[in-house]
Amino acid sequence: MPVAPSQPRPIVVVTGALGFIGSCVATALHRMGNFQVVISDDFSATQKMRNLTHLADCEQVDRSEIATWIAAHEQDTIAWVLHIGARTDTTEFDEEIFNRLNIQSTQSVWEVCTRLHIPLIYASSAATYGSGEQGYRDDHAIVPLLKPLNPYGWSKQRMDAWILQQQETPPHWYGLKFFNVYGPNEYHKGRMASVILHAFKQMQQTGRVKLFKSHHPDFRDGYQLRDFIYVQDVVQVILWLMEHKPQSGLYNLGTGKAESFYQLASSTAQALGIPLEIDWVDIPEDIRDKYQYFTEADMSKLRAAGYTQPFQSLSAGAFDYVTHYLIPDKVY
C-alpha cells in the first residue's frame, strides 16, 4: 500500500529569536519537535549569534519583513505568532526607536494576525507599572492610569492601551507583562543584563560584587525588592498558554514574590562557592529618579486561568543559571 504523505508541522513564528527570552522560547519549541519554528530578528546583530546555536536550521526572516512574510504564508498552517522582539533598553531616550521597534512593529503583527485569525502572544513589560502607584495587578481597567518611568515603559504602555481599544482581535491573544527575567542567553545585553550576570562576572574577576545603595528612606542598601523570574519559568508559561488557551488579555509574568538584590548576590556567591563581599555604589544619576524600588507581580489572574506550576525561587534559579550555564559558558 502507498504510504500516506506526512502532514506538514504547523508553524510557530518567534520574533526576537536572537534575543534573550525569544531565543529560549524558540529553542524550547524547536526541541519539542511539534512545530516548524520560523525565527525573526535582525540577523546582522553579530553579538547575539551564539543564540542561534540550536536554531541554525530554522527558517530565518528579517524583523522588518515579518508581517509581510506572515501575510504571504496565509495558505500555510501558522499555529502561533510569538512576538517577543522589542527594544528593551530602559536607558534609551530616543522615542522614535521605540515607536518603530516596539509600537509600529507590534501593531503590524497584531493586524496581520487579526486578519488571518492567528493566535498571538506579545511581550509587554512590568515597566508599564511605573513606580507602582496603581499596584501591580494585570487588570485592564487600570491600564489608562499607569505612568511608566521611561520611554521603554511608555512604548509598552501605549501598545497595551491600543490593543485594548481594538474591536477585532486574533482568536487568542496574550500580552505578557514580564517582570525581572534572568537566565541563559542574556550575555549580549550589556548594561541591561540581569544583576545575576553582572554579579557573576564581578565575583569571578575580583571576588566582590557591586550593589546599588538605596536613595529611598524606606529601603536599606541592597534591600530594594524586585520580582525576579527565571527564563525557564517564562518559557513554561508561554508553552502552557499555547496549549490551554485561557481567556485572552494582559497577564503578569513574575513569581508573585519580591526578593532583594542582597539575596540575589548571596545566591550567586553561594553558587560560586565563595563568601559574599559587597562594594556599595550610587545609582547612576541618569536612572536614579526612574528607579523602581519594589515590584511584585500579582499572579492571581494566571493562577485563576488554571496555571498551577510553581515558580523557582531566586536562590534555586540563580544556582541553576550559574552552575549549568554561566560556569560552563553554555547557551540555553
C-alpha atoms as a PDB file:
ATOM      1  CA  MET A   1       0.000   0.000   0.000  1.00  0.00           C
ATOM      2  CA  PRO A   2       1.255   3.504  -0.714  1.00  0.00           C
ATOM      3  CA  VAL A   3       2.457   5.404   2.320  1.00  0.00           C
ATOM      4  CA  ALA A   4       0.323   8.450   3.058  1.00  0.00           C
ATOM      5  CA  PRO A   5       2.331  11.659   2.907  1.00  0.00           C
ATOM      6  CA  SER A   6       3.095  13.078   6.301  1.00  0.00           C
ATOM      7  CA  GLN A   7       1.267  16.227   7.259  1.00  0.00           C
ATOM      8  CA  PRO A   8       3.425  19.338   7.471  1.00  0.00           C
ATOM      9  CA  ARG A   9       4.016  20.523  11.009  1.00  0.00           C
ATOM     10  CA  PRO A  10       2.200  23.713  11.998  1.00  0.00           C
ATOM     11  CA  ILE A  11       4.349  26.833  12.010  1.00  0.00           C
ATOM     12  CA  VAL A  12       5.206  28.923  15.047  1.00  0.00           C
ATOM     13  CA  VAL A  13       6.811  32.281  14.307  1.00  0.00           C
ATOM     14  CA  VAL A  14       9.091  33.671  17.021  1.00  0.00           C
ATOM     15  CA  THR A  15      10.279  37.258  16.705  1.00  0.00           C
ATOM     16  CA  GLY A  16      13.263  38.489  18.680  1.00  0.00           C
ATOM     17  CA  ALA A  17      14.664  34.982  18.268  1.00  0.00           C
ATOM     18  CA  LEU A  18      18.274  36.117  18.669  1.00  0.00           C
ATOM     19  CA  GLY A  19      17.417  37.922  21.887  1.00  0.00           C
ATOM     20  CA  PHE A  20      17.353  36.673  25.439  1.00  0.00           C
ATOM     21  CA  ILE A  21      13.783  35.491  26.004  1.00  0.00           C
ATOM     22  CA  GLY A  22      12.994  34.918  22.331  1.00  0.00           C
ATOM     23  CA  SER A  23      15.917  32.552  21.803  1.00  0.00           C
ATOM     24  CA  CYS A  24      14.982  30.483  24.854  1.00  0.00           C
ATOM     25  CA  VAL A  25      11.364  30.225  23.699  1.00  0.00           C
ATOM     26  CA  ALA A  26      12.350  29.341  20.123  1.00  0.00           C
ATOM     27  CA  THR A  27      14.859  26.731  21.309  1.00  0.00           C
ATOM     28  CA  ALA A  28      12.295  25.074  23.594  1.00  0.00           C
ATOM     29  CA  LEU A  29       9.779  24.861  20.749  1.00  0.00           C
ATOM     30  CA  HIS A  30      12.415  23.545  18.356  1.00  0.00           C
ATOM     31  CA  ARG A  31      13.436  20.827  20.807  1.00  0.00           C
ATOM     32  CA  MET A  32       9.818  19.718  21.242  1.00  0.00           C
ATOM     33  CA  GLY A  33       9.625  18.921  17.540  1.00  0.00           C
ATOM     34  CA  ASN A  34       5.870  19.541  17.300  1.00  0.00           C
ATOM     35  CA  PHE A  35       6.230  22.701  15.253  1.00  0.00           C
ATOM     36  CA  GLN A  36       8.144  24.159  12.367  1.00  0.00           C
ATOM     37  CA  VAL A  37       9.826  27.117  14.053  1.00  0.00           C
ATOM     38  CA  VAL A  38      10.377  30.229  11.955  1.00  0.00           C
ATOM     39  CA  ILE A  39      12.641  32.780  13.590  1.00  0.00           C
ATOM     40  CA  SER A  40      12.749  36.514  13.024  1.00  0.00           C
ATOM     41  CA  ASP A  41      15.233  39.142  14.150  1.00  0.00           C
ATOM     42  CA  ASP A  42      17.977  41.442  12.922  1.00  0.00           C
ATOM     43  CA  PHE A  43      20.409  38.804  11.705  1.00  0.00           C
ATOM     44  CA  SER A  44      23.170  41.357  11.227  1.00  0.00           C
ATOM     45  CA  ALA A  45      23.416  41.636  15.048  1.00  0.00           C
ATOM     46  CA  THR A  46      26.560  39.542  15.293  1.00  0.00           C
ATOM     47  CA  GLN A  47      26.908  39.995  19.074  1.00  0.00           C
ATOM     48  CA  LYS A  48      23.893  37.705  19.546  1.00  0.00           C
ATOM     49  CA  MET A  49      24.819  34.943  17.102  1.00  0.00           C
ATOM     50  CA  ARG A  50      25.576  32.379  19.829  1.00  0.00           C
ATOM     51  CA  ASN A  51      21.838  32.282  20.423  1.00  0.00           C
ATOM     52  CA  LEU A  52      21.472  30.646  17.014  1.00  0.00           C
ATOM     53  CA  THR A  53      23.362  27.584  18.264  1.00  0.00           C
ATOM     54  CA  HIS A  54      20.283  25.351  18.401  1.00  0.00           C
ATOM     55  CA  LEU A  55      18.263  27.222  15.766  1.00  0.00           C
ATOM     56  CA  ALA A  56      20.573  27.203  12.755  1.00  0.00           C
ATOM     57  CA  ASP A  57      18.245  25.001  10.686  1.00  0.00           C
ATOM     58  CA  CYS A  58      15.172  27.180  11.267  1.00  0.00           C
ATOM     59  CA  GLU A  59      13.897  29.445   8.506  1.00  0.00           C
ATOM     60  CA  GLN A  60      15.058  32.998   9.135  1.00  0.00           C
ATOM     61  CA  VAL A  61      13.063  36.144   8.347  1.00  0.00           C
ATOM     62  CA  ASP A  62      14.400  39.658   8.845  1.00  0.00           C
ATOM     63  CA  ARG A  63      12.440  41.534  11.501  1.00  0.00           C
ATOM     64  CA  SER A  64      11.477  44.285   9.051  1.00  0.00           C
ATOM     65  CA  GLU A  65       9.737  41.722   6.832  1.00  0.00           C
ATOM     66  CA  ILE A  66       7.903  39.600   9.363  1.00  0.00           C
ATOM     67  CA  ALA A  67       4.376  40.981   8.915  1.00  0.00           C
ATOM     68  CA  THR A  68       4.771  40.707   5.134  1.00  0.00           C
ATOM     69  CA  TRP A  69       6.098  37.149   5.492  1.00  0.00           C
ATOM     70  CA  ILE A  70       3.131  36.100   7.630  1.00  0.00           C
ATOM     71  CA  ALA A  71       0.685  37.580   5.115  1.00  0.00           C
ATOM     72  CA  ALA A  72       2.458  35.828   2.226  1.00  0.00           C
ATOM     73  CA  HIS A  73       2.067  32.464   4.000  1.00  0.00           C
ATOM     74  CA  GLU A  74      -1.664  32.788   4.522  1.00  0.00           C
ATOM     75  CA  GLN A  75      -2.232  29.334   2.997  1.00  0.00           C
ATOM     76  CA  ASP A  76       0.163  27.665   5.427  1.00  0.00           C
ATOM     77  CA  THR A  77      -0.827  26.490   8.885  1.00  0.00           C
ATOM     78  CA  ILE A  78       0.584  29.163  11.170  1.00  0.00           C
ATOM     79  CA  ALA A  79      -0.396  27.974  14.631  1.00  0.00           C
ATOM     80  CA  TRP A  80       1.005  30.894  16.630  1.00  0.00           C
ATOM     81  CA  VAL A  81       2.971  34.099  16.372  1.00  0.00           C
ATOM     82  CA  LEU A  82       5.103  34.813  19.437  1.00  0.00           C
ATOM     83  CA  HIS A  83       6.115  38.446  19.099  1.00  0.00           C
ATOM     84  CA  ILE A  84       8.896  38.624  21.686  1.00  0.00           C
ATOM     85  CA  GLY A  85      11.164  41.023  19.780  1.00  0.00           C
ATOM     86  CA  ALA A  86      11.446  44.557  21.159  1.00  0.00           C
ATOM     87  CA  ARG A  87      13.884  47.274  22.082  1.00  0.00           C
ATOM     88  CA  THR A  88      14.257  46.771  25.845  1.00  0.00           C
ATOM     89  CA  ASP A  89      16.875  49.342  26.828  1.00  0.00           C
ATOM     90  CA  THR A  90      15.444  51.337  29.729  1.00  0.00           C
ATOM     91  CA  THR A  91      18.243  53.904  29.395  1.00  0.00           C
ATOM     92  CA  GLU A  92      17.399  54.708  25.755  1.00  0.00           C
ATOM     93  CA  PHE A  93      15.563  58.018  25.420  1.00  0.00           C
ATOM     94  CA  ASP A  94      15.098  58.220  21.632  1.00  0.00           C
ATOM     95  CA  GLU A  95      11.336  57.741  21.412  1.00  0.00           C
ATOM     96  CA  GLU A  96      11.469  57.217  17.647  1.00  0.00           C
ATOM     97  CA  ILE A  97      13.396  53.967  18.185  1.00  0.00           C
ATOM     98  CA  PHE A  98      10.650  52.696  20.483  1.00  0.00           C
ATOM     99  CA  ASN A  99       7.925  53.916  18.124  1.00  0.00           C
ATOM    100  CA  ARG A 100       9.441  51.903  15.290  1.00  0.00           C
ATOM    101  CA  LEU A 101      10.598  48.750  17.079  1.00  0.00           C
ATOM    102  CA  ASN A 102       8.045  48.403  19.891  1.00  0.00           C
ATOM    103  CA  ILE A 103       4.859  50.077  18.692  1.00  0.00           C
ATOM    104  CA  GLN A 104       4.683  50.074  14.888  1.00  0.00           C
ATOM    105  CA  SER A 105       6.117  46.565  14.565  1.00  0.00           C
ATOM    106  CA  THR A 106       3.680  45.172  17.138  1.00  0.00           C
ATOM    107  CA  GLN A 107       0.729  46.905  15.510  1.00  0.00           C
ATOM    108  CA  SER A 108       1.697  45.399  12.150  1.00  0.00           C
ATOM    109  CA  VAL A 109       1.951  41.903  13.629  1.00  0.00           C
ATOM    110  CA  TRP A 110      -1.323  42.347  15.531  1.00  0.00           C
ATOM    111  CA  GLU A 111      -3.166  43.473  12.408  1.00  0.00           C
ATOM    112  CA  VAL A 112      -1.993  40.585  10.223  1.00  0.00           C
ATOM    113  CA  CYS A 113      -2.715  38.043  12.985  1.00  0.00           C
ATOM    114  CA  THR A 114      -6.187  39.526  13.397  1.00  0.00           C
ATOM    115  CA  ARG A 115      -6.902  39.376   9.664  1.00  0.00           C
ATOM    116  CA  LEU A 116      -5.624  35.818   9.273  1.00  0.00           C
ATOM    117  CA  HIS A 117      -7.045  34.559  12.616  1.00  0.00           C
ATOM    118  CA  ILE A 118      -3.657  33.560  14.029  1.00  0.00           C
ATOM    119  CA  PRO A 119      -3.234  33.374  17.828  1.00  0.00           C
ATOM    120  CA  LEU A 120      -0.708  35.871  19.163  1.00  0.00           C
ATOM    121  CA  ILE A 121       1.470  36.255  22.247  1.00  0.00           C
ATOM    122  CA  TYR A 122       3.388  39.528  22.544  1.00  0.00           C
ATOM    123  CA  ALA A 123       5.860  40.953  25.024  1.00  0.00           C
ATOM    124  CA  SER A 124       4.620  43.689  27.311  1.00  0.00           C
ATOM    125  CA  SER A 125       6.512  44.650  30.470  1.00  0.00           C
ATOM    126  CA  ALA A 126       6.243  45.341  34.169  1.00  0.00           C
ATOM    127  CA  ALA A 127       7.878  48.668  33.278  1.00  0.00           C
ATOM    128  CA  THR A 128       4.323  49.795  32.424  1.00  0.00           C
ATOM    129  CA  TYR A 129       3.557  49.911  36.165  1.00  0.00           C
ATOM    130  CA  GLY A 130       5.995  52.751  36.799  1.00  0.00           C
ATOM    131  CA  SER A 131       6.634  53.285  40.484  1.00  0.00           C
ATOM    132  CA  GLY A 132       3.627  51.137  41.372  1.00  0.00           C
ATOM    133  CA  GLU A 133       1.113  53.789  42.406  1.00  0.00           C
ATOM    134  CA  GLN A 134      -1.672  51.625  40.955  1.00  0.00           C
ATOM    135  CA  GLY A 135      -0.216  48.383  42.265  1.00  0.00           C
ATOM    136  CA  TYR A 136       0.907  45.502  40.089  1.00  0.00           C
ATOM    137  CA  ARG A 137      -2.394  43.986  39.009  1.00  0.00           C
ATOM    138  CA  ASP A 138      -2.845  42.904  35.390  1.00  0.00           C
ATOM    139  CA  ASP A 139      -6.312  44.454  35.442  1.00  0.00           C
ATOM    140  CA  HIS A 140      -7.327  46.012  32.120  1.00  0.00           C
ATOM    141  CA  ALA A 141      -9.231  48.751  33.960  1.00  0.00           C
ATOM    142  CA  ILE A 142      -6.051  50.308  35.391  1.00  0.00           C
ATOM    143  CA  VAL A 143      -4.117  50.416  32.117  1.00  0.00           C
ATOM    144  CA  PRO A 144      -5.162  54.030  31.306  1.00  0.00           C
ATOM    145  CA  LEU A 145      -3.975  55.102  34.783  1.00  0.00           C
ATOM    146  CA  LEU A 146      -0.443  53.699  34.595  1.00  0.00           C
ATOM    147  CA  LYS A 147       2.526  56.066  34.424  1.00  0.00           C
ATOM    148  CA  PRO A 148       5.774  54.385  33.315  1.00  0.00           C
ATOM    149  CA  LEU A 149       9.106  55.923  34.280  1.00  0.00           C
ATOM    150  CA  ASN A 150      10.923  55.818  30.927  1.00  0.00           C
ATOM    151  CA  PRO A 151      10.299  55.772  27.153  1.00  0.00           C
ATOM    152  CA  TYR A 152      10.641  51.981  27.028  1.00  0.00           C
ATOM    153  CA  GLY A 153       7.865  51.572  29.582  1.00  0.00           C
ATOM    154  CA  TRP A 154       5.713  54.124  27.775  1.00  0.00           C
ATOM    155  CA  SER A 155       6.105  52.258  24.484  1.00  0.00           C
ATOM    156  CA  LYS A 156       4.762  49.098  26.110  1.00  0.00           C
ATOM    157  CA  GLN A 157       2.027  51.039  27.884  1.00  0.00           C
ATOM    158  CA  ARG A 158       0.838  52.692  24.677  1.00  0.00           C
ATOM    159  CA  MET A 159       0.833  49.316  22.941  1.00  0.00           C
ATOM    160  CA  ASP A 160      -1.253  47.672  25.663  1.00  0.00           C
ATOM    161  CA  ALA A 161      -3.715  50.580  25.633  1.00  0.00           C
ATOM    162  CA  TRP A 162      -4.005  50.459  21.830  1.00  0.00           C
ATOM    163  CA  ILE A 163      -4.683  46.722  21.839  1.00  0.00           C
ATOM    164  CA  LEU A 164      -7.388  47.034  24.482  1.00  0.00           C
ATOM    165  CA  GLN A 165      -9.174  49.528  22.221  1.00  0.00           C
ATOM    166  CA  GLN A 166      -9.294  47.155  19.233  1.00  0.00           C
ATOM    167  CA  GLN A 167     -12.689  45.748  18.327  1.00  0.00           C
ATOM    168  CA  GLU A 168     -11.229  42.960  16.198  1.00  0.00           C
ATOM    169  CA  THR A 169      -8.577  40.706  17.669  1.00  0.00           C
ATOM    170  CA  PRO A 170      -6.722  37.475  16.976  1.00  0.00           C
ATOM    171  CA  PRO A 171      -8.685  34.376  18.115  1.00  0.00           C
ATOM    172  CA  HIS A 172      -6.476  34.132  21.216  1.00  0.00           C
ATOM    173  CA  TRP A 173      -4.063  36.815  22.357  1.00  0.00           C
ATOM    174  CA  TYR A 174      -1.891  37.385  25.418  1.00  0.00           C
ATOM    175  CA  GLY A 175       0.206  40.400  26.349  1.00  0.00           C
ATOM    176  CA  LEU A 176       2.783  39.225  28.877  1.00  0.00           C
ATOM    177  CA  LYS A 177       3.994  41.770  31.405  1.00  0.00           C
ATOM    178  CA  PHE A 178       7.482  40.398  32.054  1.00  0.00           C
ATOM    179  CA  PHE A 179       8.949  41.290  35.424  1.00  0.00           C
ATOM    180  CA  ASN A 180      12.722  40.886  36.087  1.00  0.00           C
ATOM    181  CA  VAL A 181      13.648  37.962  33.860  1.00  0.00           C
ATOM    182  CA  TYR A 182      17.106  36.399  34.211  1.00  0.00           C
ATOM    183  CA  GLY A 183      18.829  33.343  32.819  1.00  0.00           C
ATOM    184  CA  PRO A 184      20.887  31.938  29.945  1.00  0.00           C
ATOM    185  CA  ASN A 185      21.257  33.692  26.572  1.00  0.00           C
ATOM    186  CA  GLU A 186      21.385  37.229  28.009  1.00  0.00           C
ATOM    187  CA  TYR A 187      25.177  37.576  27.634  1.00  0.00           C
ATOM    188  CA  HIS A 188      24.792  40.204  24.871  1.00  0.00           C
ATOM    189  CA  LYS A 189      22.601  42.639  26.822  1.00  0.00           C
ATOM    190  CA  GLY A 190      25.415  44.690  28.338  1.00  0.00           C
ATOM    191  CA  ARG A 191      24.164  47.127  30.942  1.00  0.00           C
ATOM    192  CA  MET A 192      20.626  45.728  30.572  1.00  0.00           C
ATOM    193  CA  ALA A 193      21.625  42.171  31.526  1.00  0.00           C
ATOM    194  CA  SER A 194      20.365  40.806  34.825  1.00  0.00           C
ATOM    195  CA  VAL A 195      22.187  41.671  38.016  1.00  0.00           C
ATOM    196  CA  ILE A 196      22.980  37.969  38.383  1.00  0.00           C
ATOM    197  CA  LEU A 197      25.094  38.036  35.220  1.00  0.00           C
ATOM    198  CA  HIS A 198      26.867  41.221  36.343  1.00  0.00           C
ATOM    199  CA  ALA A 199      27.410  39.783  39.823  1.00  0.00           C
ATOM    200  CA  PHE A 200      28.807  36.552  38.394  1.00  0.00           C
ATOM    201  CA  LYS A 201      31.316  38.405  36.225  1.00  0.00           C
ATOM    202  CA  GLN A 202      32.390  40.698  39.056  1.00  0.00           C
ATOM    203  CA  MET A 203      32.803  37.834  41.511  1.00  0.00           C
ATOM    204  CA  GLN A 204      34.850  35.842  39.024  1.00  0.00           C
ATOM    205  CA  GLN A 205      37.137  38.796  38.345  1.00  0.00           C
ATOM    206  CA  THR A 206      37.517  40.339  41.807  1.00  0.00           C
ATOM    207  CA  GLY A 207      35.764  38.113  44.345  1.00  0.00           C
ATOM    208  CA  ARG A 208      33.442  41.024  45.123  1.00  0.00           C
ATOM    209  CA  VAL A 209      30.150  42.391  43.790  1.00  0.00           C
ATOM    210  CA  LYS A 210      28.834  45.924  43.321  1.00  0.00           C
ATOM    211  CA  LEU A 211      25.315  46.635  44.529  1.00  0.00           C
ATOM    212  CA  PHE A 212      23.369  49.867  44.406  1.00  0.00           C
ATOM    213  CA  LYS A 213      22.966  51.905  47.550  1.00  0.00           C
ATOM    214  CA  SER A 214      19.436  52.940  48.343  1.00  0.00           C
ATOM    215  CA  HIS A 215      18.417  56.539  47.698  1.00  0.00           C
ATOM    216  CA  HIS A 216      14.997  55.938  49.249  1.00  0.00           C
ATOM    217  CA  PRO A 217      14.422  56.267  53.007  1.00  0.00           C
ATOM    218  CA  ASP A 218      12.137  53.225  53.149  1.00  0.00           C
ATOM    219  CA  PHE A 219      14.720  50.782  51.762  1.00  0.00           C
ATOM    220  CA  ARG A 220      18.067  49.707  53.176  1.00  0.00           C
ATOM    221  CA  ASP A 221      21.065  49.343  50.884  1.00  0.00           C
ATOM    222  CA  GLY A 222      20.677  46.143  48.902  1.00  0.00           C
ATOM    223  CA  TYR A 223      17.118  45.582  50.046  1.00  0.00           C
ATOM    224  CA  GLN A 224      15.441  47.135  47.053  1.00  0.00           C
ATOM    225  CA  LEU A 225      12.921  44.460  46.065  1.00  0.00           C
ATOM    226  CA  ARG A 226      12.117  43.053  42.642  1.00  0.00           C
ATOM    227  CA  ASP A 227      10.121  40.145  41.313  1.00  0.00           C
ATOM    228  CA  PHE A 228      12.855  38.040  39.697  1.00  0.00           C
ATOM    229  CA  ILE A 229      11.670  35.250  37.391  1.00  0.00           C
ATOM    230  CA  TYR A 230      13.850  32.596  35.778  1.00  0.00           C
ATOM    231  CA  VAL A 231      13.565  32.479  31.990  1.00  0.00           C
ATOM    232  CA  GLN A 232      12.820  28.741  32.115  1.00  0.00           C
ATOM    233  CA  ASP A 233       9.623  29.569  34.021  1.00  0.00           C
ATOM    234  CA  VAL A 234       8.744  32.171  31.383  1.00  0.00           C
ATOM    235  CA  VAL A 235       9.127  29.507  28.692  1.00  0.00           C
ATOM    236  CA  GLN A 236       6.860  27.112  30.592  1.00  0.00           C
ATOM    237  CA  VAL A 237       4.101  29.717  30.939  1.00  0.00           C
ATOM    238  CA  ILE A 238       4.228  30.501  27.210  1.00  0.00           C
ATOM    239  CA  LEU A 239       4.014  26.809  26.308  1.00  0.00           C
ATOM    240  CA  TRP A 240       1.072  26.436  28.719  1.00  0.00           C
ATOM    241  CA  LEU A 241      -0.765  29.374  27.155  1.00  0.00           C
ATOM    242  CA  MET A 242      -0.281  27.879  23.704  1.00  0.00           C
ATOM    243  CA  GLU A 243      -1.722  24.550  24.839  1.00  0.00           C
ATOM    244  CA  HIS A 244      -4.576  25.633  27.103  1.00  0.00           C
ATOM    245  CA  LYS A 245      -5.689  28.929  25.511  1.00  0.00           C
ATOM    246  CA  PRO A 246      -7.311  30.620  28.531  1.00  0.00           C
ATOM    247  CA  GLN A 247      -9.200  33.891  28.252  1.00  0.00           C
ATOM    248  CA  SER A 248      -7.332  36.451  26.160  1.00  0.00           C
ATOM    249  CA  GLY A 249      -5.822  39.517  27.774  1.00  0.00           C
ATOM    250  CA  LEU A 250      -2.870  41.007  29.605  1.00  0.00           C
ATOM    251  CA  TYR A 251      -1.121  38.697  32.065  1.00  0.00           C
ATOM    252  CA  ASN A 252       1.615  39.369  34.598  1.00  0.00           C
ATOM    253  CA  LEU A 253       4.613  37.094  34.341  1.00  0.00           C
ATOM    254  CA  GLY A 254       6.607  37.141  37.545  1.00  0.00           C
ATOM    255  CA  THR A 255       6.778  34.789  40.510  1.00  0.00           C
ATOM    256  CA  GLY A 256       4.484  36.759  42.777  1.00  0.00           C
ATOM    257  CA  LYS A 257       7.216  37.145  45.384  1.00  0.00           C
ATOM    258  CA  ALA A 258       9.579  40.112  45.593  1.00  0.00           C
ATOM    259  CA  GLU A 259      13.141  39.339  46.710  1.00  0.00           C
ATOM    260  CA  SER A 260      16.093  41.593  47.466  1.00  0.00           C
ATOM    261  CA  PHE A 261      19.222  42.311  45.492  1.00  0.00           C
ATOM    262  CA  TYR A 262      21.137  41.239  48.589  1.00  0.00           C
ATOM    263  CA  GLN A 263      19.532  37.798  48.301  1.00  0.00           C
ATOM    264  CA  LEU A 264      20.416  37.754  44.608  1.00  0.00           C
ATOM    265  CA  ALA A 265      24.075  38.485  45.337  1.00  0.00           C
ATOM    266  CA  SER A 266      24.146  35.970  48.169  1.00  0.00           C
ATOM    267  CA  SER A 267      22.660  33.252  45.944  1.00  0.00           C
ATOM    268  CA  THR A 268      25.207  33.968  43.220  1.00  0.00           C
ATOM    269  CA  ALA A 269      28.118  33.810  45.663  1.00  0.00           C
ATOM    270  CA  GLN A 270      26.787  30.563  47.124  1.00  0.00           C
ATOM    271  CA  ALA A 271      26.574  29.020  43.639  1.00  0.00           C
ATOM    272  CA  LEU A 272      30.202  30.011  43.075  1.00  0.00           C
ATOM    273  CA  GLY A 273      31.230  28.695  46.481  1.00  0.00           C
ATOM    274  CA  ILE A 274      32.737  31.980  47.663  1.00  0.00           C
ATOM    275  CA  PRO A 275      31.979  34.373  50.559  1.00  0.00           C
ATOM    276  CA  LEU A 276      29.802  37.382  49.767  1.00  0.00           C
ATOM    277  CA  GLU A 277      31.796  40.642  49.645  1.00  0.00           C
ATOM    278  CA  ILE A 278      29.919  43.794  48.571  1.00  0.00           C
ATOM    279  CA  ASP A 279      31.013  47.215  47.323  1.00  0.00           C
ATOM    280  CA  TRP A 280      28.162  49.716  47.600  1.00  0.00           C
ATOM    281  CA  VAL A 281      27.793  52.187  44.700  1.00  0.00           C
ATOM    282  CA  ASP A 282      25.405  55.033  43.948  1.00  0.00           C
ATOM    283  CA  ILE A 283      22.593  54.501  41.471  1.00  0.00           C
ATOM    284  CA  PRO A 284      23.644  56.329  38.246  1.00  0.00           C
ATOM    285  CA  GLU A 285      22.097  59.756  38.071  1.00  0.00           C
ATOM    286  CA  ASP A 286      20.582  59.157  34.622  1.00  0.00           C
ATOM    287  CA  ILE A 287      18.275  56.472  36.054  1.00  0.00           C
ATOM    288  CA  ARG A 288      18.081  57.463  39.727  1.00  0.00           C
ATOM    289  CA  ASP A 289      14.745  59.254  39.523  1.00  0.00           C
ATOM    290  CA  LYS A 290      13.307  56.426  37.385  1.00  0.00           C
ATOM    291  CA  TYR A 291      14.475  53.558  39.561  1.00  0.00           C
ATOM    292  CA  GLN A 292      11.908  51.012  40.789  1.00  0.00           C
ATOM    293  CA  TYR A 293      12.449  50.115  44.451  1.00  0.00           C
ATOM    294  CA  PHE A 294       9.717  47.486  44.614  1.00  0.00           C
ATOM    295  CA  THR A 295       7.970  45.280  42.087  1.00  0.00           C
ATOM    296  CA  GLU A 296       5.866  42.224  42.812  1.00  0.00           C
ATOM    297  CA  ALA A 297       3.570  40.654  40.265  1.00  0.00           C
ATOM    298  CA  ASP A 298       0.011  39.893  41.274  1.00  0.00           C
ATOM    299  CA  MET A 299      -0.214  36.406  39.746  1.00  0.00           C
ATOM    300  CA  SER A 300      -3.830  35.690  40.707  1.00  0.00           C
ATOM    301  CA  LYS A 301      -5.099  36.133  37.137  1.00  0.00           C
ATOM    302  CA  LEU A 302      -2.809  33.488  35.645  1.00  0.00           C
ATOM    303  CA  ARG A 303      -3.481  31.171  38.584  1.00  0.00           C
ATOM    304  CA  ALA A 304      -7.236  31.620  38.172  1.00  0.00           C
ATOM    305  CA  ALA A 305      -6.827  30.762  34.488  1.00  0.00           C
ATOM    306  CA  GLY A 306      -5.509  27.372  35.554  1.00  0.00           C
ATOM    307  CA  TYR A 307      -1.722  27.637  35.687  1.00  0.00           C
ATOM    308  CA  THR A 308      -0.631  25.574  38.687  1.00  0.00           C
ATOM    309  CA  GLN A 309       3.112  25.038  38.234  1.00  0.00           C
ATOM    310  CA  PRO A 310       5.354  26.532  40.945  1.00  0.00           C
ATOM    311  CA  PHE A 311       7.899  29.202  40.065  1.00  0.00           C
ATOM    312  CA  GLN A 312      11.522  28.715  41.001  1.00  0.00           C
ATOM    313  CA  SER A 313      12.792  30.769  43.904  1.00  0.00           C
ATOM    314  CA  LEU A 314      15.550  33.270  43.263  1.00  0.00           C
ATOM    315  CA  SER A 315      18.082  31.091  45.087  1.00  0.00           C
ATOM    316  CA  ALA A 316      17.146  27.977  43.073  1.00  0.00           C
ATOM    317  CA  GLY A 317      17.058  29.803  39.760  1.00  0.00           C
ATOM    318  CA  ALA A 318      20.336  31.596  40.385  1.00  0.00           C
ATOM    319  CA  PHE A 319      22.030  28.335  41.348  1.00  0.00           C
ATOM    320  CA  ASP A 320      20.837  26.623  38.154  1.00  0.00           C
ATOM    321  CA  TYR A 321      21.810  29.597  35.992  1.00  0.00           C
ATOM    322  CA  VAL A 322      25.296  29.901  37.456  1.00  0.00           C
ATOM    323  CA  THR A 323      26.165  26.204  37.661  1.00  0.00           C
ATOM    324  CA  HIS A 324      24.583  24.942  34.431  1.00  0.00           C
ATOM    325  CA  TYR A 325      25.063  27.905  32.092  1.00  0.00           C
ATOM    326  CA  LEU A 326      27.453  30.603  33.312  1.00  0.00           C
ATOM    327  CA  ILE A 327      30.294  28.470  34.674  1.00  0.00           C
ATOM    328  CA  PRO A 328      30.318  26.058  31.677  1.00  0.00           C
ATOM    329  CA  ASP A 329      29.614  29.028  29.332  1.00  0.00           C
ATOM    330  CA  LYS A 330      26.604  27.436  27.638  1.00  0.00           C
ATOM    331  CA  VAL A 331      23.541  28.862  25.931  1.00  0.00           C
ATOM    332  CA  TYR A 332      20.062  27.524  26.552  1.00  0.00           C
END
